[in-house]
Amino acid sequence: MAMITGRTRGGVEWTPQFAVAIDGRKCIGCGRCYKVCPREVLDLVERGEELMADIDEDDLDDDQMMVMSLKNAADCIGCGSCGRVCPKGCYSYASAEA
């Protein structure tokens, strides 16, 4: 199958890269990605037990108990805004087939 492609306003072909994963071990729950996402793709959730295993809970404050997750990945439009504002480089992307 062919990859999903588009065109920029200038006519250049562009292949969107869709958010497929967030590394919860790196995420600090700052919410920057949530604020720039033009769709309701992301959600801030409690850090799960598996992510707490490598972290000393005494060193965490309440804000760090939350991480971003992909709430509705199917609504991602592939703009990449989330990854550009992420200070920890938590996002993984992939192109999609038509």
Protein backbone atom coordinates (compact mmCIF):
# COMPACT_ATOMS: atom_id res chain seq x y z
CA MET A 1 0.00 0.00 0.00
CA ALA A 2 1.03 3.60 -0.53
CA MET A 3 2.03 5.96 2.26
CA ILE A 4 -0.31 8.78 3.21
CA THR A 5 1.14 11.98 1.77
CA GLY A 6 0.05 15.57 1.45
CA ARG A 7 1.32 18.79 -0.04
CA THR A 8 2.50 21.94 1.64
CA ARG A 9 1.03 25.25 0.54
CA GLY A 10 4.12 25.64 -1.63
CA GLY A 11 3.36 22.36 -3.41
CA VAL A 12 6.09 20.24 -1.82
CA GLU A 13 5.09 16.67 -1.02
CA TRP A 14 4.97 15.92 2.72
CA THR A 15 4.58 12.62 4.59
CA PRO A 16 2.98 13.14 8.02
CA GLN A 17 4.51 11.34 10.97
CA PHE A 18 1.85 10.21 13.44
CA ALA A 19 2.44 9.90 17.20
CA VAL A 20 2.46 6.19 18.02
CA ALA A 21 4.02 6.07 21.51
CA ILE A 22 5.11 8.17 24.47
CA ASP A 23 7.99 7.00 26.67
CA GLY A 24 6.44 7.23 30.14
CA ARG A 25 9.84 6.76 31.78
CA LYS A 26 11.07 10.03 30.27
CA CYS A 27 7.82 12.03 30.50
CA ILE A 28 7.74 14.67 33.25
CA GLY A 29 4.03 15.47 32.82
CA CYS A 30 4.66 19.13 31.98
CA GLY A 31 1.64 19.34 29.64
CA ARG A 32 3.36 21.32 26.88
CA CYS A 33 2.38 18.76 24.27
CA TYR A 34 -1.21 18.74 25.50
CA LYS A 35 -1.42 22.50 25.06
CA VAL A 36 -0.15 22.51 21.46
CA CYS A 37 -2.07 19.49 20.17
CA PRO A 38 -4.76 20.73 17.75
CA ARG A 39 -6.83 17.57 18.37
CA GLU A 40 -7.79 15.69 21.55
CA VAL A 41 -5.07 13.07 21.12
CA LEU A 42 -3.37 13.34 24.54
CA ASP A 43 -4.37 12.92 28.16
CA LEU A 44 -2.53 13.37 31.45
CA VAL A 45 -2.80 10.19 33.56
CA GLU A 46 -1.33 8.84 36.78
CA ARG A 47 2.08 7.24 36.43
CA GLY A 48 1.51 3.47 36.54
CA GLU A 49 3.27 1.03 38.87
CA GLU A 50 5.52 -0.27 36.07
CA LEU A 51 6.83 3.26 35.49
CA MET A 52 7.37 3.88 39.20
CA ALA A 53 9.67 0.86 39.59
CA ASP A 54 12.79 2.72 38.41
CA ILE A 55 12.01 5.96 40.27
CA ASP A 56 12.66 6.80 43.92
CA GLU A 57 9.26 8.09 45.06
CA ASP A 58 10.88 10.22 47.79
CA ASP A 59 12.48 12.34 45.05
CA LEU A 60 9.16 12.98 43.27
CA ASP A 61 6.74 15.80 43.90
CA ASP A 62 3.01 15.56 43.12
CA ASP A 63 3.42 16.97 39.60
CA GLN A 64 5.78 14.15 38.60
CA MET A 65 3.22 11.50 39.53
CA MET A 66 1.46 12.22 36.21
CA VAL A 67 2.52 11.38 32.66
CA MET A 68 1.09 12.05 29.23
CA SER A 69 -0.59 9.24 27.33
CA LEU A 70 -2.12 8.78 23.88
CA LYS A 71 -5.83 9.01 24.62
CA ASN A 72 -7.03 8.95 21.03
CA ALA A 73 -4.10 8.22 18.71
CA ALA A 74 -6.47 7.73 15.76
CA ASP A 75 -7.18 11.49 15.83
CA CYS A 76 -3.51 12.41 15.35
CA ILE A 77 -3.04 14.47 12.16
CA GLY A 78 0.74 14.00 12.02
CA CYS A 79 1.73 17.62 12.56
CA GLY A 80 4.51 16.74 15.05
CA SER A 81 3.82 19.71 17.34
CA CYS A 82 3.89 17.50 20.43
CA GLY A 83 7.41 16.27 19.80
CA ARG A 84 8.75 19.72 18.96
CA VAL A 85 7.72 21.12 22.36
CA CYS A 86 8.61 18.03 24.42
CA PRO A 87 11.67 18.87 26.55
CA LYS A 88 12.49 15.18 27.11
CA GLY A 89 12.05 13.72 23.61
CA CYS A 90 9.35 11.27 24.70
CA TYR A 91 7.53 10.81 21.41
CA SER A 92 7.88 8.10 18.76
CA TYR A 93 6.38 8.59 15.31
CA ALA A 94 5.55 6.53 12.25
CA SER A 95 4.08 7.24 8.86
CA ALA A 96 0.83 5.53 7.90
CA GLU A 97 -0.35 3.62 4.88
CA ALA A 98 -3.40 4.72 2.92
